[in-house]
Amino acid sequence: NGEAPLIKSAHYRPSRQSRFYQRFQ
């Protein structure tokens, strides 16, 4: 967008399933 990337940041919000699997590991 002009000289800058159109997407300036990304944020990840894990699901309850992903949070459980990762915490278990």
PDB file of all heavy atoms in Angstrom:
ATOM      1  N   ASN A   1       0.885  -1.163   0.000  1.00  0.00           N
ATOM      2  CA  ASN A   1       0.000   0.000   0.000  1.00  0.00           C
ATOM      3  C   ASN A   1       0.926   1.216   0.000  1.00  0.00           C
ATOM      4  O   ASN A   1       1.412   1.623   1.042  1.00  0.00           O
ATOM      5  CB  ASN A   1      -0.907  -0.006   1.235  1.00  0.00           C
ATOM      6  CG  ASN A   1      -1.942   1.097   1.178  1.00  0.00           C
ATOM      7  OD1 ASN A   1      -2.246   1.620   0.109  1.00  0.00           O
ATOM      8  ND2 ASN A   1      -2.476   1.473   2.333  1.00  0.00           N
ATOM      9  N   GLY A   2       1.179   1.740  -1.188  1.00  0.00           N
ATOM     10  CA  GLY A   2       2.224   2.749  -1.303  1.00  0.00           C
ATOM     11  C   GLY A   2       3.574   2.057  -1.226  1.00  0.00           C
ATOM     12  O   GLY A   2       3.851   1.110  -1.959  1.00  0.00           O
ATOM     13  N   GLU A   3       4.416   2.506  -0.323  1.00  0.00           N
ATOM     14  CA  GLU A   3       5.736   1.904  -0.165  1.00  0.00           C
ATOM     15  C   GLU A   3       5.772   0.819   0.914  1.00  0.00           C
ATOM     16  O   GLU A   3       6.740   0.069   1.014  1.00  0.00           O
ATOM     17  CB  GLU A   3       6.765   2.999   0.198  1.00  0.00           C
ATOM     18  CG  GLU A   3       6.947   4.062  -0.878  1.00  0.00           C
ATOM     19  CD  GLU A   3       7.456   3.462  -2.182  1.00  0.00           C
ATOM     20  OE1 GLU A   3       8.356   2.608  -2.114  1.00  0.00           O
ATOM     21  OE2 GLU A   3       6.952   3.849  -3.254  1.00  0.00           O
ATOM     22  N   ALA A   4       4.714   0.748   1.727  1.00  0.00           N
ATOM     23  CA  ALA A   4       4.701  -0.188   2.862  1.00  0.00           C
ATOM     24  C   ALA A   4       3.908  -1.444   2.521  1.00  0.00           C
ATOM     25  O   ALA A   4       2.984  -1.408   1.700  1.00  0.00           O
ATOM     26  CB  ALA A   4       4.104   0.492   4.085  1.00  0.00           C
ATOM     27  N   PRO A   5       4.226  -2.572   3.159  1.00  0.00           N
ATOM     28  CA  PRO A   5       3.409  -3.777   2.981  1.00  0.00           C
ATOM     29  C   PRO A   5       1.967  -3.514   3.425  1.00  0.00           C
ATOM     30  O   PRO A   5       1.738  -2.807   4.408  1.00  0.00           O
ATOM     31  CB  PRO A   5       4.097  -4.802   3.886  1.00  0.00           C
ATOM     32  CG  PRO A   5       5.493  -4.313   4.048  1.00  0.00           C
ATOM     33  CD  PRO A   5       5.404  -2.820   4.021  1.00  0.00           C
ATOM     34  N   LEU A   6       1.019  -4.084   2.700  1.00  0.00           N
ATOM     35  CA  LEU A   6      -0.387  -3.886   3.050  1.00  0.00           C
ATOM     36  C   LEU A   6      -0.696  -4.485   4.420  1.00  0.00           C
ATOM     37  O   LEU A   6      -1.469  -3.919   5.196  1.00  0.00           O
ATOM     38  CB  LEU A   6      -1.287  -4.511   1.985  1.00  0.00           C
ATOM     39  CG  LEU A   6      -2.790  -4.441   2.227  1.00  0.00           C
ATOM     40  CD1 LEU A   6      -3.260  -3.002   2.406  1.00  0.00           C
ATOM     41  CD2 LEU A   6      -3.549  -5.109   1.088  1.00  0.00           C
ATOM     42  N   ILE A   7      -0.095  -5.637   4.730  1.00  0.00           N
ATOM     43  CA  ILE A   7      -0.269  -6.242   6.058  1.00  0.00           C
ATOM     44  C   ILE A   7       0.941  -5.861   6.901  1.00  0.00           C
ATOM     45  O   ILE A   7       2.078  -6.169   6.550  1.00  0.00           O
ATOM     46  CB  ILE A   7      -0.411  -7.767   5.959  1.00  0.00           C
ATOM     47  CG1 ILE A   7      -1.772  -8.120   5.336  1.00  0.00           C
ATOM     48  CG2 ILE A   7      -0.290  -8.413   7.340  1.00  0.00           C
ATOM     49  CD1 ILE A   7      -2.018  -9.599   5.187  1.00  0.00           C
ATOM     50  N   LYS A   8       0.675  -5.194   8.027  1.00  0.00           N
ATOM     51  CA  LYS A   8       1.798  -4.714   8.834  1.00  0.00           C
ATOM     52  C   LYS A   8       2.081  -5.575  10.061  1.00  0.00           C
ATOM     53  O   LYS A   8       3.151  -5.464  10.658  1.00  0.00           O
ATOM     54  CB  LYS A   8       1.589  -3.262   9.256  1.00  0.00           C
ATOM     55  CG  LYS A   8       0.431  -3.005  10.214  1.00  0.00           C
ATOM     56  CD  LYS A   8       0.376  -1.519  10.543  1.00  0.00           C
ATOM     57  CE  LYS A   8      -0.746  -1.174  11.494  1.00  0.00           C
ATOM     58  NZ  LYS A   8      -0.801   0.266  11.801  1.00  0.00           N
ATOM     59  N   SER A   9       1.143  -6.415  10.461  1.00  0.00           N
ATOM     60  CA  SER A   9       1.399  -7.288  11.607  1.00  0.00           C
ATOM     61  C   SER A   9       0.458  -8.481  11.572  1.00  0.00           C
ATOM     62  O   SER A   9      -0.605  -8.428  10.940  1.00  0.00           O
ATOM     63  CB  SER A   9       1.232  -6.529  12.932  1.00  0.00           C
ATOM     64  OG  SER A   9      -0.124  -6.155  13.130  1.00  0.00           O
ATOM     65  N   ALA A  10       0.887  -9.564  12.229  1.00  0.00           N
ATOM     66  CA  ALA A  10       0.062 -10.775  12.321  1.00  0.00           C
ATOM     67  C   ALA A  10       0.024 -11.228  13.768  1.00  0.00           C
ATOM     68  O   ALA A  10       1.028 -11.143  14.480  1.00  0.00           O
ATOM     69  CB  ALA A  10       0.630 -11.884  11.434  1.00  0.00           C
ATOM     70  N   HIS A  11      -1.153 -11.675  14.215  1.00  0.00           N
ATOM     71  CA  HIS A  11      -1.309 -12.137  15.592  1.00  0.00           C
ATOM     72  C   HIS A  11      -2.041 -13.473  15.577  1.00  0.00           C
ATOM     73  O   HIS A  11      -3.060 -13.642  14.901  1.00  0.00           O
ATOM     74  CB  HIS A  11      -2.110 -11.120  16.421  1.00  0.00           C
ATOM     75  CG  HIS A  11      -2.400 -11.574  17.809  1.00  0.00           C
ATOM     76  ND1 HIS A  11      -1.431 -11.665  18.787  1.00  0.00           N
ATOM     77  CD2 HIS A  11      -3.563 -11.974  18.389  1.00  0.00           C
ATOM     78  CE1 HIS A  11      -1.988 -12.098  19.908  1.00  0.00           C
ATOM     79  NE2 HIS A  11      -3.273 -12.294  19.693  1.00  0.00           N
ATOM     80  N   TYR A  12      -1.509 -14.429  16.329  1.00  0.00           N
ATOM     81  CA  TYR A  12      -2.065 -15.785  16.393  1.00  0.00           C
ATOM     82  C   TYR A  12      -2.834 -15.982  17.689  1.00  0.00           C
ATOM     83  O   TYR A  12      -2.337 -15.703  18.775  1.00  0.00           O
ATOM     84  CB  TYR A  12      -0.912 -16.798  16.317  1.00  0.00           C
ATOM     85  CG  TYR A  12      -1.294 -18.238  16.575  1.00  0.00           C
ATOM     86  CD1 TYR A  12      -2.199 -18.906  15.763  1.00  0.00           C
ATOM     87  CD2 TYR A  12      -0.691 -18.939  17.628  1.00  0.00           C
ATOM     88  CE1 TYR A  12      -2.516 -20.241  15.993  1.00  0.00           C
ATOM     89  CE2 TYR A  12      -1.001 -20.276  17.863  1.00  0.00           C
ATOM     90  CZ  TYR A  12      -1.925 -20.918  17.050  1.00  0.00           C
ATOM     91  OH  TYR A  12      -2.241 -22.235  17.280  1.00  0.00           O
ATOM     92  N   ARG A  13      -4.079 -16.449  17.564  1.00  0.00           N
ATOM     93  CA  ARG A  13      -4.904 -16.760  18.736  1.00  0.00           C
ATOM     94  C   ARG A  13      -5.277 -18.247  18.664  1.00  0.00           C
ATOM     95  O   ARG A  13      -6.157 -18.622  17.880  1.00  0.00           O
ATOM     96  CB  ARG A  13      -6.163 -15.889  18.766  1.00  0.00           C
ATOM     97  CG  ARG A  13      -6.999 -16.053  20.045  1.00  0.00           C
ATOM     98  CD  ARG A  13      -8.282 -15.251  19.961  1.00  0.00           C
ATOM     99  NE  ARG A  13      -8.044 -13.831  19.985  1.00  0.00           N
ATOM    100  CZ  ARG A  13      -7.990 -13.080  21.076  1.00  0.00           C
ATOM    101  NH1 ARG A  13      -8.171 -13.643  22.252  1.00  0.00           N
ATOM    102  NH2 ARG A  13      -7.786 -11.784  20.988  1.00  0.00           N
ATOM    103  N   PRO A  14      -4.579 -19.102  19.441  1.00  0.00           N
ATOM    104  CA  PRO A  14      -4.840 -20.539  19.347  1.00  0.00           C
ATOM    105  C   PRO A  14      -6.223 -20.910  19.880  1.00  0.00           C
ATOM    106  O   PRO A  14      -6.742 -20.268  20.804  1.00  0.00           O
ATOM    107  CB  PRO A  14      -3.738 -21.152  20.209  1.00  0.00           C
ATOM    108  CG  PRO A  14      -3.368 -20.075  21.185  1.00  0.00           C
ATOM    109  CD  PRO A  14      -3.547 -18.787  20.447  1.00  0.00           C
ATOM    110  N   SER A  15      -6.795 -21.931  19.306  1.00  0.00           N
ATOM    111  CA  SER A  15      -8.067 -22.456  19.795  1.00  0.00           C
ATOM    112  C   SER A  15      -7.847 -23.172  21.112  1.00  0.00           C
ATOM    113  O   SER A  15      -6.715 -23.448  21.520  1.00  0.00           O
ATOM    114  CB  SER A  15      -8.662 -23.430  18.777  1.00  0.00           C
ATOM    115  OG  SER A  15      -7.831 -24.579  18.685  1.00  0.00           O
ATOM    116  N   ARG A  16      -8.929 -23.521  21.778  1.00  0.00           N
ATOM    117  CA  ARG A  16      -8.832 -24.287  23.016  1.00  0.00           C
ATOM    118  C   ARG A  16      -8.135 -25.630  22.751  1.00  0.00           C
ATOM    119  O   ARG A  16      -7.335 -26.102  23.560  1.00  0.00           O
ATOM    120  CB  ARG A  16     -10.236 -24.510  23.588  1.00  0.00           C
ATOM    121  CG  ARG A  16     -10.283 -25.342  24.846  1.00  0.00           C
ATOM    122  CD  ARG A  16      -9.603 -24.639  26.009  1.00  0.00           C
ATOM    123  NE  ARG A  16     -10.326 -23.454  26.439  1.00  0.00           N
ATOM    124  CZ  ARG A  16      -9.905 -22.635  27.390  1.00  0.00           C
ATOM    125  NH1 ARG A  16      -8.750 -22.883  28.002  1.00  0.00           N
ATOM    126  NH2 ARG A  16     -10.596 -21.578  27.734  1.00  0.00           N
ATOM    127  N   GLN A  17      -8.415 -26.234  21.618  1.00  0.00           N
ATOM    128  CA  GLN A  17      -7.780 -27.502  21.264  1.00  0.00           C
ATOM    129  C   GLN A  17      -6.271 -27.328  21.120  1.00  0.00           C
ATOM    130  O   GLN A  17      -5.487 -28.118  21.665  1.00  0.00           O
ATOM    131  CB  GLN A  17      -8.358 -28.027  19.957  1.00  0.00           C
ATOM    132  CG  GLN A  17      -7.770 -29.357  19.513  1.00  0.00           C
ATOM    133  CD  GLN A  17      -8.262 -29.762  18.138  1.00  0.00           C
ATOM    134  OE1 GLN A  17      -8.073 -29.036  17.161  1.00  0.00           O
ATOM    135  NE2 GLN A  17      -8.935 -30.897  18.060  1.00  0.00           N
ATOM    136  N   SER A  18      -5.846 -26.299  20.388  1.00  0.00           N
ATOM    137  CA  SER A  18      -4.413 -26.076  20.188  1.00  0.00           C
ATOM    138  C   SER A  18      -3.716 -25.779  21.511  1.00  0.00           C
ATOM    139  O   SER A  18      -2.600 -26.263  21.762  1.00  0.00           O
ATOM    140  CB  SER A  18      -4.195 -24.924  19.209  1.00  0.00           C
ATOM    141  OG  SER A  18      -4.649 -25.267  17.915  1.00  0.00           O
ATOM    142  N   ARG A  19      -4.381 -25.013  22.368  1.00  0.00           N
ATOM    143  CA  ARG A  19      -3.766 -24.685  23.658  1.00  0.00           C
ATOM    144  C   ARG A  19      -3.591 -25.952  24.496  1.00  0.00           C
ATOM    145  O   ARG A  19      -2.562 -26.142  25.146  1.00  0.00           O
ATOM    146  CB  ARG A  19      -4.619 -23.656  24.413  1.00  0.00           C
ATOM    147  CG  ARG A  19      -4.583 -22.267  23.793  1.00  0.00           C
ATOM    148  CD  ARG A  19      -5.101 -21.205  24.763  1.00  0.00           C
ATOM    149  NE  ARG A  19      -6.491 -21.396  25.119  1.00  0.00           N
ATOM    150  CZ  ARG A  19      -7.518 -20.921  24.411  1.00  0.00           C
ATOM    151  NH1 ARG A  19      -7.286 -20.244  23.285  1.00  0.00           N
ATOM    152  NH2 ARG A  19      -8.754 -21.102  24.795  1.00  0.00           N
ATOM    153  N   PHE A  20      -4.594 -26.831  24.492  1.00  0.00           N
ATOM    154  CA  PHE A  20      -4.485 -28.065  25.271  1.00  0.00           C
ATOM    155  C   PHE A  20      -3.370 -28.960  24.734  1.00  0.00           C
ATOM    156  O   PHE A  20      -2.550 -29.485  25.502  1.00  0.00           O
ATOM    157  CB  PHE A  20      -5.819 -28.818  25.264  1.00  0.00           C
ATOM    158  CG  PHE A  20      -5.702 -30.220  25.793  1.00  0.00           C
ATOM    159  CD1 PHE A  20      -5.412 -30.447  27.135  1.00  0.00           C
ATOM    160  CD2 PHE A  20      -5.843 -31.324  24.949  1.00  0.00           C
ATOM    161  CE1 PHE A  20      -5.275 -31.735  27.636  1.00  0.00           C
ATOM    162  CE2 PHE A  20      -5.706 -32.609  25.433  1.00  0.00           C
ATOM    163  CZ  PHE A  20      -5.417 -32.812  26.778  1.00  0.00           C
ATOM    164  N   TYR A  21      -3.346 -29.165  23.420  1.00  0.00           N
ATOM    165  CA  TYR A  21      -2.313 -30.021  22.834  1.00  0.00           C
ATOM    166  C   TYR A  21      -0.914 -29.497  23.141  1.00  0.00           C
ATOM    167  O   TYR A  21      -0.009 -30.262  23.499  1.00  0.00           O
ATOM    168  CB  TYR A  21      -2.498 -30.112  21.317  1.00  0.00           C
ATOM    169  CG  TYR A  21      -3.638 -30.989  20.872  1.00  0.00           C
ATOM    170  CD1 TYR A  21      -4.032 -31.027  19.539  1.00  0.00           C
ATOM    171  CD2 TYR A  21      -4.350 -31.773  21.784  1.00  0.00           C
ATOM    172  CE1 TYR A  21      -5.089 -31.830  19.118  1.00  0.00           C
ATOM    173  CE2 TYR A  21      -5.399 -32.572  21.374  1.00  0.00           C
ATOM    174  CZ  TYR A  21      -5.772 -32.595  20.046  1.00  0.00           C
ATOM    175  OH  TYR A  21      -6.816 -33.392  19.635  1.00  0.00           O
ATOM    176  N   GLN A  22      -0.736 -28.181  23.009  1.00  0.00           N
ATOM    177  CA  GLN A  22       0.590 -27.611  23.248  1.00  0.00           C
ATOM    178  C   GLN A  22       0.965 -27.678  24.728  1.00  0.00           C
ATOM    179  O   GLN A  22       2.113 -27.952  25.077  1.00  0.00           O
ATOM    180  CB  GLN A  22       0.641 -26.169  22.740  1.00  0.00           C
ATOM    181  CG  GLN A  22       0.596 -26.073  21.223  1.00  0.00           C
ATOM    182  CD  GLN A  22       0.756 -24.653  20.727  1.00  0.00           C
ATOM    183  OE1 GLN A  22       1.268 -23.791  21.432  1.00  0.00           O
ATOM    184  NE2 GLN A  22       0.333 -24.403  19.496  1.00  0.00           N
ATOM    185  N   ARG A  23       0.007 -27.429  25.597  1.00  0.00           N
ATOM    186  CA  ARG A  23       0.304 -27.492  27.033  1.00  0.00           C
ATOM    187  C   ARG A  23       0.640 -28.941  27.441  1.00  0.00           C
ATOM    188  O   ARG A  23       1.545 -29.162  28.254  1.00  0.00           O
ATOM    189  CB  ARG A  23      -0.877 -26.968  27.854  1.00  0.00           C
ATOM    190  CG  ARG A  23      -0.504 -26.717  29.317  1.00  0.00           C
ATOM    191  CD  ARG A  23      -1.719 -26.318  30.115  1.00  0.00           C
ATOM    192  NE  ARG A  23      -2.149 -24.962  29.880  1.00  0.00           N
ATOM    193  CZ  ARG A  23      -1.620 -23.890  30.482  1.00  0.00           C
ATOM    194  NH1 ARG A  23      -0.618 -24.029  31.335  1.00  0.00           N
ATOM    195  NH2 ARG A  23      -2.081 -22.696  30.238  1.00  0.00           N
ATOM    196  N   PHE A  24      -0.076 -29.900  26.840  1.00  0.00           N
ATOM    197  CA  PHE A  24       0.214 -31.305  27.148  1.00  0.00           C
ATOM    198  C   PHE A  24       1.637 -31.663  26.711  1.00  0.00           C
ATOM    199  O   PHE A  24       2.365 -32.354  27.428  1.00  0.00           O
ATOM    200  CB  PHE A  24      -0.806 -32.213  26.449  1.00  0.00           C
ATOM    201  CG  PHE A  24      -0.574 -33.680  26.678  1.00  0.00           C
ATOM    202  CD1 PHE A  24      -0.972 -34.292  27.858  1.00  0.00           C
ATOM    203  CD2 PHE A  24       0.077 -34.451  25.707  1.00  0.00           C
ATOM    204  CE1 PHE A  24      -0.737 -35.651  28.075  1.00  0.00           C
ATOM    205  CE2 PHE A  24       0.315 -35.807  25.924  1.00  0.00           C
ATOM    206  CZ  PHE A  24      -0.096 -36.413  27.108  1.00  0.00           C
ATOM    207  N   GLN A  25       2.043 -31.201  25.544  1.00  0.00           N
ATOM    208  CA  GLN A  25       3.384 -31.501  25.049  1.00  0.00           C
ATOM    209  C   GLN A  25       4.471 -30.843  25.888  1.00  0.00           C
ATOM    210  O   GLN A  25       5.612 -31.320  25.917  1.00  0.00           O
ATOM    211  CB  GLN A  25       3.515 -31.068  23.588  1.00  0.00           C
ATOM    212  CG  GLN A  25       2.672 -31.916  22.626  1.00  0.00           C
ATOM    213  CD  GLN A  25       2.570 -31.319  21.239  1.00  0.00           C
ATOM    214  OE1 GLN A  25       3.115 -30.251  20.976  1.00  0.00           O
ATOM    215  NE2 GLN A  25       1.873 -32.005  20.348  1.00  0.00           N
TER     216      GLN A  25
END
